[in-house]
C-alpha atoms as a PDB file:
ATOM      1  CA  MET A   1     -13.141  23.138  -5.668  1.00  0.00           C
ATOM      2  CA  LYS A   2      -9.828  23.785  -4.241  1.00  0.00           C
ATOM      3  CA  VAL A   3      -7.014  23.126  -6.871  1.00  0.00           C
ATOM      4  CA  ILE A   4      -3.937  21.737  -4.872  1.00  0.00           C
ATOM      5  CA  ASP A   5      -0.532  23.577  -5.422  1.00  0.00           C
ATOM      6  CA  LEU A   6       2.132  21.659  -6.925  1.00  0.00           C
ATOM      7  CA  PRO A   7       5.882  22.869  -7.648  1.00  0.00           C
ATOM      8  CA  TYR A   8       5.373  22.512 -11.592  1.00  0.00           C
ATOM      9  CA  VAL A   9       2.998  23.837 -14.378  1.00  0.00           C
ATOM     10  CA  ASP A  10      -0.394  22.700 -13.827  1.00  0.00           C
ATOM     11  CA  GLU A  11      -1.727  21.590 -17.346  1.00  0.00           C
ATOM     12  CA  PRO A  12      -4.791  19.621 -18.433  1.00  0.00           C
ATOM     13  CA  MET A  13      -4.470  16.135 -19.171  1.00  0.00           C
ATOM     14  CA  ASP A  14      -6.683  13.580 -20.520  1.00  0.00           C
ATOM     15  CA  VAL A  15      -8.504  11.459 -17.660  1.00  0.00           C
ATOM     16  CA  CYS A  16     -10.173   7.621 -17.974  1.00  0.00           C
ATOM     17  CA  ASP A  17     -12.241   5.564 -16.044  1.00  0.00           C
ATOM     18  CA  GLU A  18     -10.691   2.191 -14.020  1.00  0.00           C
ATOM     19  CA  ASN A  19     -11.028   0.571 -17.203  1.00  0.00           C
ATOM     20  CA  ASN A  20      -8.956   2.880 -19.332  1.00  0.00           C
ATOM     21  CA  ASN A  21     -11.834   4.385 -21.361  1.00  0.00           C
ATOM     22  CA  LEU A  22     -10.792   8.185 -21.663  1.00  0.00           C
ATOM     23  CA  VAL A  23     -13.657  10.205 -20.274  1.00  0.00           C
ATOM     24  CA  GLY A  24     -12.837  14.118 -20.321  1.00  0.00           C
ATOM     25  CA  VAL A  25     -10.134  16.335 -19.513  1.00  0.00           C
ATOM     26  CA  GLU A  26      -8.671  17.636 -16.140  1.00  0.00           C
ATOM     27  CA  MET A  27      -5.967  19.744 -14.546  1.00  0.00           C
ATOM     28  CA  ASP A  28      -2.794  17.666 -13.538  1.00  0.00           C
ATOM     29  CA  SER A  29      -3.014  18.749  -9.502  1.00  0.00           C
ATOM     30  CA  VAL A  30      -6.778  17.814  -9.868  1.00  0.00           C
ATOM     31  CA  VAL A  31      -5.890  14.629 -11.524  1.00  0.00           C
ATOM     32  CA  HIS A  32      -3.247  13.394  -8.511  1.00  0.00           C
ATOM     33  CA  ARG A  33      -5.223  15.288  -5.663  1.00  0.00           C
ATOM     34  CA  ASP A  34      -8.529  13.070  -6.370  1.00  0.00           C
ATOM     35  CA  GLY A  35      -6.683   9.985  -7.559  1.00  0.00           C
ATOM     36  CA  LEU A  36      -8.112  10.056 -11.059  1.00  0.00           C
ATOM     37  CA  TRP A  37      -7.017   7.647 -13.867  1.00  0.00           C
ATOM     38  CA  HIS A  38      -4.986   8.967 -16.305  1.00  0.00           C
ATOM     39  CA  ARG A  39      -2.365   7.978 -19.102  1.00  0.00           C
ATOM     40  CA  VAL A  40       1.402   8.193 -19.009  1.00  0.00           C
ATOM     41  CA  CYS A  41       4.264   6.555 -20.972  1.00  0.00           C
ATOM     42  CA  HIS A  42       7.097   4.621 -20.197  1.00  0.00           C
ATOM     43  CA  LEU A  43      10.441   4.600 -22.141  1.00  0.00           C
ATOM     44  CA  PHE A  44      12.815   2.014 -21.505  1.00  0.00           C
ATOM     45  CA  LEU A  45      16.362   1.694 -23.442  1.00  0.00           C
ATOM     46  CA  TYR A  46      18.255  -1.624 -23.298  1.00  0.00           C
ATOM     47  CA  ASN A  47      21.342  -2.602 -24.720  1.00  0.00           C
ATOM     48  CA  SER A  48      22.820  -6.163 -26.655  1.00  0.00           C
ATOM     49  CA  ALA A  49      23.964  -7.413 -23.309  1.00  0.00           C
ATOM     50  CA  GLY A  50      19.955  -7.478 -22.143  1.00  0.00           C
ATOM     51  CA  GLU A  51      20.611  -4.614 -19.470  1.00  0.00           C
ATOM     52  CA  VAL A  52      18.065  -1.850 -18.916  1.00  0.00           C
ATOM     53  CA  MET A  53      18.815   1.508 -18.526  1.00  0.00           C
ATOM     54  CA  LEU A  54      17.166   3.224 -15.333  1.00  0.00           C
ATOM     55  CA  GLN A  55      17.376   6.941 -14.728  1.00  0.00           C
ATOM     56  CA  LEU A  56      17.920   8.191 -11.125  1.00  0.00           C
ATOM     57  CA  ARG A  57      15.426  10.773 -10.379  1.00  0.00           C
ATOM     58  CA  ALA A  58      16.272  14.045  -9.624  1.00  0.00           C
ATOM     59  CA  LYS A  59      16.895  14.961  -5.838  1.00  0.00           C
ATOM     60  CA  ASP A  60      14.547  18.066  -5.870  1.00  0.00           C
ATOM     61  CA  LYS A  61      11.623  16.453  -7.433  1.00  0.00           C
ATOM     62  CA  TRP A  62       8.393  16.654  -5.289  1.00  0.00           C
ATOM     63  CA  TYR A  63       7.363  13.167  -6.396  1.00  0.00           C
ATOM     64  CA  TYR A  64       9.608  10.090  -5.472  1.00  0.00           C
ATOM     65  CA  PRO A  65      12.846  11.861  -5.291  1.00  0.00           C
ATOM     66  CA  ASP A  66      16.277  10.514  -5.859  1.00  0.00           C
ATOM     67  CA  VAL A  67      15.074   6.878  -6.734  1.00  0.00           C
ATOM     68  CA  TRP A  68      15.561   4.755  -9.647  1.00  0.00           C
ATOM     69  CA  ASP A  69      12.581   4.708 -12.375  1.00  0.00           C
ATOM     70  CA  VAL A  70      12.093   4.179 -16.167  1.00  0.00           C
ATOM     71  CA  SER A  71      14.368   5.507 -18.915  1.00  0.00           C
ATOM     72  CA  ALA A  72      12.264   8.479 -19.511  1.00  0.00           C
ATOM     73  CA  GLY A  73       8.516   9.028 -19.428  1.00  0.00           C
ATOM     74  CA  GLY A  74       6.005  11.382 -18.032  1.00  0.00           C
ATOM     75  CA  HIS A  75       2.092  12.493 -18.554  1.00  0.00           C
ATOM     76  CA  LEU A  76       0.787  12.797 -22.157  1.00  0.00           C
ATOM     77  CA  SER A  77      -0.689  16.103 -23.367  1.00  0.00           C
ATOM     78  CA  VAL A  78      -4.150  16.279 -24.269  1.00  0.00           C
ATOM     79  CA  GLY A  79      -5.006  14.149 -27.209  1.00  0.00           C
ATOM     80  CA  GLU A  80      -1.123  13.105 -27.766  1.00  0.00           C
ATOM     81  CA  ASP A  81      -0.581   9.426 -29.263  1.00  0.00           C
ATOM     82  CA  MET A  82       1.137   7.357 -26.843  1.00  0.00           C
ATOM     83  CA  ALA A  83       4.095   6.460 -29.154  1.00  0.00           C
ATOM     84  CA  ASP A  84       4.742  10.375 -29.857  1.00  0.00           C
ATOM     85  CA  ALA A  85       4.164  11.149 -25.797  1.00  0.00           C
ATOM     86  CA  ALA A  86       7.336   8.245 -25.207  1.00  0.00           C
ATOM     87  CA  ALA A  87       9.658   9.604 -27.966  1.00  0.00           C
ATOM     88  CA  ARG A  88       9.013  12.807 -26.897  1.00  0.00           C
ATOM     89  CA  GLU A  89       9.736  12.087 -23.142  1.00  0.00           C
ATOM     90  CA  GLY A  90      12.938  10.475 -24.311  1.00  0.00           C
ATOM     91  CA  THR A  91      14.522  13.195 -26.441  1.00  0.00           C
ATOM     92  CA  GLU A  92      13.647  15.683 -23.444  1.00  0.00           C
ATOM     93  CA  GLU A  93      15.005  13.697 -21.136  1.00  0.00           C
ATOM     94  CA  LEU A  94      18.036  11.925 -22.633  1.00  0.00           C
ATOM     95  CA  GLY A  95      19.117  14.207 -25.011  1.00  0.00           C
ATOM     96  CA  THR A  96      19.186  12.302 -27.998  1.00  0.00           C
ATOM     97  CA  GLU A  97      16.684  11.767 -30.594  1.00  0.00           C
ATOM     98  CA  ILE A  98      13.904   9.267 -30.114  1.00  0.00           C
ATOM     99  CA  ARG A  99      11.689   8.350 -33.140  1.00  0.00           C
ATOM    100  CA  ARG A 100       8.383   6.903 -32.698  1.00  0.00           C
ATOM    101  CA  GLU A 101       8.805   4.370 -35.861  1.00  0.00           C
ATOM    102  CA  ASP A 102      11.799   3.031 -33.562  1.00  0.00           C
ATOM    103  CA  LEU A 103       9.934   2.089 -30.550  1.00  0.00           C
ATOM    104  CA  HIS A 104       8.651  -1.625 -29.548  1.00  0.00           C
ATOM    105  CA  PHE A 105       5.693  -1.092 -27.676  1.00  0.00           C
ATOM    106  CA  PHE A 106       5.288  -3.659 -24.670  1.00  0.00           C
ATOM    107  CA  GLU A 107       2.366  -3.274 -22.558  1.00  0.00           C
ATOM    108  CA  VAL A 108       0.169  -1.163 -20.425  1.00  0.00           C
ATOM    109  CA  LYS A 109       0.615  -1.493 -16.907  1.00  0.00           C
ATOM    110  CA  LYS A 110      -1.706  -0.144 -14.468  1.00  0.00           C
ATOM    111  CA  PHE A 111      -0.389   1.291 -11.391  1.00  0.00           C
ATOM    112  CA  SER A 112      -2.102   2.904  -8.200  1.00  0.00           C
ATOM    113  CA  THR A 113      -0.278   4.512  -5.302  1.00  0.00           C
ATOM    114  CA  ALA A 114      -0.341   7.387  -3.144  1.00  0.00           C
ATOM    115  CA  TYR A 115       2.550   9.443  -2.141  1.00  0.00           C
ATOM    116  CA  ASN A 116       3.298  12.409   0.766  1.00  0.00           C
ATOM    117  CA  SER A 117       5.391  15.033  -0.661  1.00  0.00           C
ATOM    118  CA  VAL A 118       4.635  18.643  -0.557  1.00  0.00           C
ATOM    119  CA  LYS A 119       1.239  17.768  -0.869  1.00  0.00           C
ATOM    120  CA  PRO A 120      -0.195  14.116  -0.639  1.00  0.00           C
ATOM    121  CA  ILE A 121      -1.218  12.155  -4.286  1.00  0.00           C
ATOM    122  CA  LYS A 122      -3.101   9.839  -5.313  1.00  0.00           C
ATOM    123  CA  ASN A 123      -1.535   8.609  -8.158  1.00  0.00           C
ATOM    124  CA  ASN A 124      -3.509   6.023 -10.864  1.00  0.00           C
ATOM    125  CA  GLU A 125      -1.700   5.457 -13.857  1.00  0.00           C
ATOM    126  CA  PHE A 126      -2.365   3.412 -17.271  1.00  0.00           C
ATOM    127  CA  CYS A 127       1.470   3.126 -18.292  1.00  0.00           C
ATOM    128  CA  TYR A 128       2.109   2.724 -22.027  1.00  0.00           C
ATOM    129  CA  ALA A 129       5.799   0.921 -21.925  1.00  0.00           C
ATOM    130  CA  TYR A 130       8.120   0.964 -25.140  1.00  0.00           C
ATOM    131  CA  LEU A 131      11.370  -0.198 -25.671  1.00  0.00           C
ATOM    132  CA  LEU A 132      14.183   0.917 -27.647  1.00  0.00           C
ATOM    133  CA  ARG A 133      17.771  -0.571 -28.394  1.00  0.00           C
ATOM    134  CA  PHE A 134      20.358   1.517 -27.730  1.00  0.00           C
ATOM    135  CA  ASP A 135      24.058   0.065 -27.757  1.00  0.00           C
ATOM    136  CA  GLY A 136      25.662   3.395 -27.629  1.00  0.00           C
ATOM    137  CA  SER A 137      27.444   5.059 -23.892  1.00  0.00           C
ATOM    138  CA  VAL A 138      25.480   6.620 -21.215  1.00  0.00           C
ATOM    139  CA  GLU A 139      27.990   9.249 -21.705  1.00  0.00           C
ATOM    140  CA  GLU A 140      26.681  10.009 -25.043  1.00  0.00           C
ATOM    141  CA  LEU A 141      23.508  11.350 -23.899  1.00  0.00           C
ATOM    142  CA  ASN A 142      23.158  14.940 -22.706  1.00  0.00           C
ATOM    143  CA  VAL A 143      20.430  14.171 -20.080  1.00  0.00           C
ATOM    144  CA  GLU A 144      18.221  16.734 -18.923  1.00  0.00           C
ATOM    145  CA  LYS A 145      19.322  17.908 -15.147  1.00  0.00           C
ATOM    146  CA  GLU A 146      16.145  19.012 -13.815  1.00  0.00           C
ATOM    147  CA  GLU A 147      14.446  15.983 -14.005  1.00  0.00           C
ATOM    148  CA  LEU A 148      16.854  13.286 -13.443  1.00  0.00           C
ATOM    149  CA  GLN A 149      20.775  13.183 -11.854  1.00  0.00           C
ATOM    150  CA  ARG A 150      22.222  10.206 -14.220  1.00  0.00           C
ATOM    151  CA  VAL A 151      21.245   6.982 -16.491  1.00  0.00           C
ATOM    152  CA  ARG A 152      23.008   3.527 -15.792  1.00  0.00           C
ATOM    153  CA  PHE A 153      22.314   0.325 -17.210  1.00  0.00           C
ATOM    154  CA  PHE A 154      21.280  -2.629 -15.027  1.00  0.00           C
ATOM    155  CA  SER A 155      21.471  -6.671 -15.404  1.00  0.00           C
ATOM    156  CA  GLU A 156      18.893  -8.621 -13.858  1.00  0.00           C
ATOM    157  CA  GLY A 157      21.373  -9.690 -11.423  1.00  0.00           C
ATOM    158  CA  GLU A 158      22.314  -6.250 -10.704  1.00  0.00           C
ATOM    159  CA  LEU A 159      18.819  -4.788 -10.668  1.00  0.00           C
ATOM    160  CA  GLU A 160      17.693  -7.754  -8.069  1.00  0.00           C
ATOM    161  CA  GLU A 161      20.735  -6.972  -5.642  1.00  0.00           C
ATOM    162  CA  GLU A 162      20.383  -3.362  -5.822  1.00  0.00           C
ATOM    163  CA  ILE A 163      16.439  -3.586  -4.929  1.00  0.00           C
ATOM    164  CA  LYS A 164      16.929  -6.287  -2.059  1.00  0.00           C
ATOM    165  CA  ALA A 165      20.092  -4.111  -0.538  1.00  0.00           C
ATOM    166  CA  ASN A 166      17.851  -0.810  -0.763  1.00  0.00           C
ATOM    167  CA  PRO A 167      14.007  -1.247  -1.969  1.00  0.00           C
ATOM    168  CA  GLY A 168      13.127   2.445  -1.146  1.00  0.00           C
ATOM    169  CA  LYS A 169      15.785   3.883  -3.690  1.00  0.00           C
ATOM    170  CA  PHE A 170      13.685   2.336  -7.220  1.00  0.00           C
ATOM    171  CA  MET A 171       9.872   3.335  -7.807  1.00  0.00           C
ATOM    172  CA  PRO A 172       7.395   0.818  -6.560  1.00  0.00           C
ATOM    173  CA  TYR A 173       6.706  -1.021  -9.160  1.00  0.00           C
ATOM    174  CA  GLY A 174       6.779  -4.447  -8.047  1.00  0.00           C
ATOM    175  CA  SER A 175       8.015  -7.288 -10.623  1.00  0.00           C
ATOM    176  CA  TYR A 176       7.768  -4.455 -13.416  1.00  0.00           C
ATOM    177  CA  PHE A 177      11.487  -3.752 -14.182  1.00  0.00           C
ATOM    178  CA  PHE A 178      12.064  -7.550 -14.224  1.00  0.00           C
ATOM    179  CA  ASP A 179       9.194  -8.051 -17.166  1.00  0.00           C
ATOM    180  CA  VAL A 180      10.933  -5.299 -18.943  1.00  0.00           C
ATOM    181  CA  ILE A 181      14.394  -7.124 -18.821  1.00  0.00           C
ATOM    182  CA  ARG A 182      12.777 -10.352 -19.876  1.00  0.00           C
ATOM    183  CA  GLU A 183      11.125  -8.395 -22.581  1.00  0.00           C
ATOM    184  CA  ALA A 184      14.232  -7.172 -24.028  1.00  0.00           C
ATOM    185  CA  ARG A 185      15.688 -10.605 -24.067  1.00  0.00           C
ATOM    186  CA  LYS A 186      13.348 -11.736 -26.132  1.00  0.00           C
ATOM    187  CA  LEU A 187      13.649  -8.676 -28.574  1.00  0.00           C
ATOM    188  CA  LEU A 188      17.580  -9.765 -28.960  1.00  0.00           C
ATOM    189  CA  ARG A 189      16.584 -13.221 -29.935  1.00  0.00           C
ATOM    190  CA  GLN A 190      14.300 -12.447 -32.622  1.00  0.00           C
END
């Protein structure tokens, strides 16, 4: 079995079945080449206005470059706790300390996509989504330039207009971003 060459460090990751049961460990390149199910974390920052922060992925990312995505996110290390991974990814990508105890678990979302880039990949993921209230300025953040260009808060109306005008500039998540905005508003009412 030949492992495909990808432009990043190939690391082991937990593999799941289609029902999100852990079934083993495999290298990242094999997971994406063969479309094996795996877990990722998504972190969404929201503010008191009910807006959600998205990141504009770096232009040289091999997978969905230069598109708007979750505030922060990534693959889990083998055996890593989902909330720990969300806090780690948020801290790394946004350059501000994020603690797991401050995160609000939202949902597990199942996504299946194919992408032709440097190498064609099949991406089958269980996304563990977390929300975190952040009323600071985006200028306070020290974003990881290798991963993203910038971050921005979107209102529901702005997001809807932008997606209609440029659907290819956003990750193909369907209603996911809007589900997150509704959850953020619900949290603000509590």
